[in-house]
C-alpha atoms as a PDB file:
ATOM      1  CA  MET A   1       3.735  26.321  -0.363  1.00  0.00           C
ATOM      2  CA  ASN A   2       4.296  23.876   2.469  1.00  0.00           C
ATOM      3  CA  ARG A   3       2.105  20.845   1.666  1.00  0.00           C
ATOM      4  CA  THR A   4       1.973  19.584   5.235  1.00  0.00           C
ATOM      5  CA  SER A   5       0.088  22.691   6.313  1.00  0.00           C
ATOM      6  CA  ALA A   6      -2.585  22.019   3.687  1.00  0.00           C
ATOM      7  CA  PHE A   7      -3.578  18.575   4.962  1.00  0.00           C
ATOM      8  CA  GLY A   8      -6.941  18.326   6.631  1.00  0.00           C
ATOM      9  CA  GLN A   9      -6.664  17.356  10.281  1.00  0.00           C
ATOM     10  CA  LEU A  10      -8.401  14.323  11.748  1.00  0.00           C
ATOM     11  CA  PRO A  11     -10.191  15.432  14.931  1.00  0.00           C
ATOM     12  CA  PRO A  12      -9.527  13.252  18.003  1.00  0.00           C
ATOM     13  CA  VAL A  13     -13.190  12.298  18.342  1.00  0.00           C
ATOM     14  CA  TRP A  14     -13.079  10.584  14.946  1.00  0.00           C
ATOM     15  CA  ARG A  15      -9.820   8.808  15.832  1.00  0.00           C
ATOM     16  CA  THR A  16     -11.552   7.482  18.927  1.00  0.00           C
ATOM     17  CA  ALA A  17     -14.671   6.537  16.946  1.00  0.00           C
ATOM     18  CA  ALA A  18     -12.661   4.552  14.401  1.00  0.00           C
ATOM     19  CA  LEU A  19     -10.596   2.727  17.021  1.00  0.00           C
ATOM     20  CA  GLY A  20     -13.616   2.173  19.299  1.00  0.00           C
ATOM     21  CA  THR A  21     -15.723   0.772  16.471  1.00  0.00           C
ATOM     22  CA  THR A  22     -12.977  -1.653  15.480  1.00  0.00           C
ATOM     23  CA  LEU A  23     -12.394  -2.772  19.072  1.00  0.00           C
ATOM     24  CA  ALA A  24     -16.134  -3.142  19.710  1.00  0.00           C
ATOM     25  CA  HIS A  25     -16.456  -5.204  16.527  1.00  0.00           C
ATOM     26  CA  LEU A  26     -13.679  -7.514  17.716  1.00  0.00           C
ATOM     27  CA  VAL A  27     -15.179  -7.957  21.196  1.00  0.00           C
ATOM     28  CA  LEU A  28     -18.761  -8.404  19.980  1.00  0.00           C
ATOM     29  CA  SER A  29     -17.674 -10.905  17.338  1.00  0.00           C
ATOM     30  CA  ALA A  30     -15.784 -12.921  19.958  1.00  0.00           C
ATOM     31  CA  VAL A  31     -18.784 -12.900  22.310  1.00  0.00           C
ATOM     32  CA  ALA A  32     -21.127 -13.913  19.482  1.00  0.00           C
ATOM     33  CA  LEU A  33     -18.815 -16.791  18.552  1.00  0.00           C
ATOM     34  CA  VAL A  34     -18.816 -18.084  22.128  1.00  0.00           C
ATOM     35  CA  PHE A  35     -22.534 -17.656  22.860  1.00  0.00           C
ATOM     36  CA  ASP A  36     -25.170 -18.941  20.481  1.00  0.00           C
ATOM     37  CA  GLY A  37     -28.865 -18.165  20.263  1.00  0.00           C
ATOM     38  CA  THR A  38     -30.287 -14.923  21.624  1.00  0.00           C
ATOM     39  CA  VAL A  39     -26.911 -13.329  22.379  1.00  0.00           C
ATOM     40  CA  ARG A  40     -25.708 -13.921  18.834  1.00  0.00           C
ATOM     41  CA  ASN A  41     -28.964 -12.591  17.392  1.00  0.00           C
ATOM     42  CA  VAL A  42     -28.804  -9.411  19.492  1.00  0.00           C
ATOM     43  CA  ILE A  43     -25.207  -8.840  18.397  1.00  0.00           C
ATOM     44  CA  ALA A  44     -26.282  -9.389  14.787  1.00  0.00           C
ATOM     45  CA  GLY A  45     -28.768  -6.569  15.357  1.00  0.00           C
ATOM     46  CA  VAL A  46     -25.905  -4.349  16.530  1.00  0.00           C
ATOM     47  CA  PHE A  47     -24.020  -5.206  13.343  1.00  0.00           C
ATOM     48  CA  VAL A  48     -27.049  -4.207  11.256  1.00  0.00           C
ATOM     49  CA  ALA A  49     -27.213  -0.924  13.214  1.00  0.00           C
ATOM     50  CA  ALA A  50     -23.542  -0.346  12.334  1.00  0.00           C
ATOM     51  CA  LEU A  51     -24.447  -0.839   8.668  1.00  0.00           C
ATOM     52  CA  ALA A  52     -27.272   1.691   8.986  1.00  0.00           C
ATOM     53  CA  ALA A  53     -25.048   4.234  10.771  1.00  0.00           C
ATOM     54  CA  GLY A  54     -22.317   3.822   8.174  1.00  0.00           C
ATOM     55  CA  SER A  55     -24.794   4.234   5.333  1.00  0.00           C
ATOM     56  CA  LEU A  56     -26.159   7.400   6.927  1.00  0.00           C
ATOM     57  CA  LEU A  57     -22.642   8.823   7.357  1.00  0.00           C
ATOM     58  CA  PHE A  58     -21.914   7.930   3.731  1.00  0.00           C
ATOM     59  CA  ILE A  59     -24.967   9.888   2.537  1.00  0.00           C
ATOM     60  CA  VAL A  60     -24.213  12.852   4.809  1.00  0.00           C
ATOM     61  CA  ALA A  61     -20.650  12.876   3.454  1.00  0.00           C
ATOM     62  CA  PHE A  62     -21.973  13.018  -0.094  1.00  0.00           C
ATOM     63  CA  VAL A  63     -24.190  16.007   0.735  1.00  0.00           C
ATOM     64  CA  ILE A  64     -21.308  17.831   2.465  1.00  0.00           C
ATOM     65  CA  ALA A  65     -18.964  17.094  -0.449  1.00  0.00           C
ATOM     66  CA  ALA A  66     -21.541  18.354  -2.941  1.00  0.00           C
ATOM     67  CA  GLY A  67     -21.814  21.610  -1.005  1.00  0.00           C
ATOM     68  CA  ARG A  68     -18.038  22.031  -0.839  1.00  0.00           C
ATOM     69  CA  SER A  69     -17.650  21.291  -4.555  1.00  0.00           C
ATOM     70  CA  ARG A  70     -18.964  24.751  -5.401  1.00  0.00           C
ATOM     71  CA  ASP A  71     -15.807  26.361  -4.018  1.00  0.00           C
ATOM     72  CA  GLU A  72     -13.262  23.544  -4.007  1.00  0.00           C
ATOM     73  CA  GLN A  73     -12.083  20.815  -6.367  1.00  0.00           C
ATOM     74  CA  VAL A  74     -13.577  17.979  -4.345  1.00  0.00           C
ATOM     75  CA  THR A  75     -12.826  14.484  -5.635  1.00  0.00           C
ATOM     76  CA  MET A  76     -14.811  11.402  -4.736  1.00  0.00           C
ATOM     77  CA  ILE A  77     -11.662   9.397  -4.086  1.00  0.00           C
ATOM     78  CA  GLY A  78     -10.422  12.199  -1.849  1.00  0.00           C
ATOM     79  CA  VAL A  79     -13.660  12.159   0.113  1.00  0.00           C
ATOM     80  CA  TYR A  80     -14.395   8.451   0.359  1.00  0.00           C
ATOM     81  CA  PHE A  81     -10.878   6.987   0.489  1.00  0.00           C
ATOM     82  CA  LEU A  82      -8.914  10.039   1.707  1.00  0.00           C
ATOM     83  CA  ALA A  83      -6.680  10.128  -1.365  1.00  0.00           C
ATOM     84  CA  ASN A  84      -5.046  13.170  -2.957  1.00  0.00           C
ATOM     85  CA  HIS A  85      -3.654  14.517   0.319  1.00  0.00           C
ATOM     86  CA  SER A  86      -7.104  15.280   1.747  1.00  0.00           C
ATOM     87  CA  ILE A  87      -6.249  14.235   5.320  1.00  0.00           C
ATOM     88  CA  GLU A  88      -2.970  14.154   7.233  1.00  0.00           C
ATOM     89  CA  PRO A  89      -0.995  10.920   6.602  1.00  0.00           C
ATOM     90  CA  ALA A  90      -1.274   9.609  10.181  1.00  0.00           C
ATOM     91  CA  GLY A  91      -5.051  10.077  10.251  1.00  0.00           C
ATOM     92  CA  ARG A  92      -5.466   8.593   6.785  1.00  0.00           C
ATOM     93  CA  ARG A  93      -3.397   5.545   7.790  1.00  0.00           C
ATOM     94  CA  LEU A  94      -5.373   5.062  11.029  1.00  0.00           C
ATOM     95  CA  LEU A  95      -8.760   5.175   9.299  1.00  0.00           C
ATOM     96  CA  ARG A  96      -7.643   2.830   6.533  1.00  0.00           C
ATOM     97  CA  LEU A  97      -6.178   0.357   9.036  1.00  0.00           C
ATOM     98  CA  CYS A  98      -9.382   0.419  11.076  1.00  0.00           C
ATOM     99  CA  LEU A  99     -11.382  -0.288   7.922  1.00  0.00           C
ATOM    100  CA  LEU A 100      -9.031  -3.151   7.077  1.00  0.00           C
ATOM    101  CA  GLY A 101      -9.316  -4.490  10.632  1.00  0.00           C
ATOM    102  CA  GLN A 102     -13.112  -4.355  10.533  1.00  0.00           C
ATOM    103  CA  SER A 103     -13.114  -6.179   7.205  1.00  0.00           C
ATOM    104  CA  VAL A 104     -10.786  -8.924   8.429  1.00  0.00           C
ATOM    105  CA  ILE A 105     -12.686  -9.332  11.697  1.00  0.00           C
ATOM    106  CA  GLY A 106     -15.987  -9.588   9.809  1.00  0.00           C
ATOM    107  CA  VAL A 107     -14.782 -12.203   7.338  1.00  0.00           C
ATOM    108  CA  VAL A 108     -12.966 -14.287   9.952  1.00  0.00           C
ATOM    109  CA  ALA A 109     -15.917 -14.230  12.363  1.00  0.00           C
ATOM    110  CA  ALA A 110     -18.350 -15.195   9.608  1.00  0.00           C
ATOM    111  CA  SER A 111     -15.992 -17.969   8.483  1.00  0.00           C
ATOM    112  CA  LEU A 112     -15.739 -19.441  11.969  1.00  0.00           C
ATOM    113  CA  ALA A 113     -19.520 -19.848  12.240  1.00  0.00           C
ATOM    114  CA  PRO A 114     -20.805 -20.266   8.689  1.00  0.00           C
ATOM    115  CA  PHE A 115     -24.514 -20.151   7.883  1.00  0.00           C
ATOM    116  CA  THR A 116     -25.349 -18.387  11.166  1.00  0.00           C
ATOM    117  CA  ALA A 117     -26.104 -14.843  12.269  1.00  0.00           C
ATOM    118  CA  MET A 118     -22.338 -14.273  12.285  1.00  0.00           C
ATOM    119  CA  ALA A 119     -22.670 -13.414   8.601  1.00  0.00           C
ATOM    120  CA  PHE A 120     -23.932 -10.018   9.754  1.00  0.00           C
ATOM    121  CA  SER A 121     -20.426  -9.325  11.057  1.00  0.00           C
ATOM    122  CA  THR A 122     -19.381  -8.594   7.479  1.00  0.00           C
ATOM    123  CA  LEU A 123     -21.664  -5.520   7.462  1.00  0.00           C
ATOM    124  CA  VAL A 124     -19.668  -3.579  10.065  1.00  0.00           C
ATOM    125  CA  PRO A 125     -16.981  -2.241   7.660  1.00  0.00           C
ATOM    126  CA  MET A 126     -19.662   0.003   6.161  1.00  0.00           C
ATOM    127  CA  LEU A 127     -19.383   2.029   9.362  1.00  0.00           C
ATOM    128  CA  GLY A 128     -15.642   2.335   8.776  1.00  0.00           C
ATOM    129  CA  LEU A 129     -16.294   3.511   5.218  1.00  0.00           C
ATOM    130  CA  GLY A 130     -18.890   5.975   6.483  1.00  0.00           C
ATOM    131  CA  VAL A 131     -16.476   7.429   9.034  1.00  0.00           C
ATOM    132  CA  MET A 132     -13.778   7.784   6.361  1.00  0.00           C
ATOM    133  CA  ALA A 133     -16.240   9.466   4.004  1.00  0.00           C
ATOM    134  CA  TYR A 134     -17.530  11.881   6.632  1.00  0.00           C
ATOM    135  CA  VAL A 135     -14.029  12.828   7.733  1.00  0.00           C
ATOM    136  CA  GLY A 136     -12.939  13.342   4.133  1.00  0.00           C
ATOM    137  CA  ALA A 137     -15.972  15.457   3.283  1.00  0.00           C
ATOM    138  CA  ARG A 138     -16.032  17.503   6.477  1.00  0.00           C
ATOM    139  CA  PHE A 139     -12.351  17.921   7.345  1.00  0.00           C
ATOM    140  CA  GLY A 140     -10.473  17.079   4.134  1.00  0.00           C
ATOM    141  CA  TRP A 141      -8.338  19.582   2.246  1.00  0.00           C
ATOM    142  CA  PHE A 142      -9.125  20.244  -1.403  1.00  0.00           C
ATOM    143  CA  PRO A 143      -7.715  22.998  -3.628  1.00  0.00           C
ATOM    144  CA  ALA A 144      -9.932  25.931  -4.500  1.00  0.00           C
ATOM    145  CA  HIS A 145     -11.351  26.169  -8.011  1.00  0.00           C
ATOM    146  CA  GLY A 146      -8.888  27.910 -10.300  1.00  0.00           C
ATOM    147  CA  ASP A 147      -5.983  26.973  -8.048  1.00  0.00           C
ATOM    148  CA  GLU A 148      -4.184  24.856 -10.666  1.00  0.00           C
ATOM    149  CA  GLN A 149      -0.723  25.715  -9.284  1.00  0.00           C
ATOM    150  CA  ASP A 150      -1.473  24.107  -5.902  1.00  0.00           C
ATOM    151  CA  GLU A 151      -2.964  21.058  -7.621  1.00  0.00           C
ATOM    152  CA  GLN A 152       0.075  20.744  -9.903  1.00  0.00           C
ATOM    153  CA  GLU A 153       2.432  20.988  -6.889  1.00  0.00           C
ATOM    154  CA  ALA A 154       0.461  18.279  -5.105  1.00  0.00           C
ATOM    155  CA  ASP A 155       0.636  15.997  -8.141  1.00  0.00           C
ATOM    156  CA  GLU A 156       4.380  16.589  -8.516  1.00  0.00           C
ATOM    157  CA  ALA A 157       4.966  15.864  -4.828  1.00  0.00           C
ATOM    158  CA  ALA A 158       3.017  12.601  -5.090  1.00  0.00           C
ATOM    159  CA  GLU A 159       4.856  11.323  -8.193  1.00  0.00           C
ATOM    160  CA  PRO A 160       8.354   9.845  -7.855  1.00  0.00           C
ATOM    161  CA  ASP A 161      11.138  11.329  -9.951  1.00  0.00           C
ATOM    162  CA  THR A 162      11.679   8.857 -12.798  1.00  0.00           C
ATOM    163  CA  SER A 163      13.817  11.066 -14.976  1.00  0.00           C
ATOM    164  CA  GLY A 164      17.081   9.421 -13.807  1.00  0.00           C
ATOM    165  CA  PRO A 165      20.504  10.493 -14.956  1.00  0.00           C
ATOM    166  CA  ALA A 166      20.706  12.037 -18.398  1.00  0.00           C
END
């Protein structure tokens, strides 16, 4: 079996959502650092909305994964962190990098203006986690129940050969 054909594909709309969210987080954090008062408070509200949207996506992903688990060997790490070959490598890398970027942006922005509404910037990565979870649950590839051969091939492909010369 060709493993590359079994990867779930990341739809372009979710690529755009991940990149757009990260870019918007960067721009809004920069604006909130420059302008104090009402502008910063409104942007903090946007950050809280990102937390709510990410939490909702996280819950929806759980429900989708639970439904798929009747027919497929769905793993939580495969759904929420795109492990076990659930999504194509390029899509998995993009979503993980966007999550990392959102986390770094949130911590740096909150560090530059401590004890202010900038602390809400650290909530935005929940949206990145929610997007990853939804993509993993909705579009991820998981072996069917009773398909131990495919699972064994996937595990063997993921493990390096440590047998060495005899």
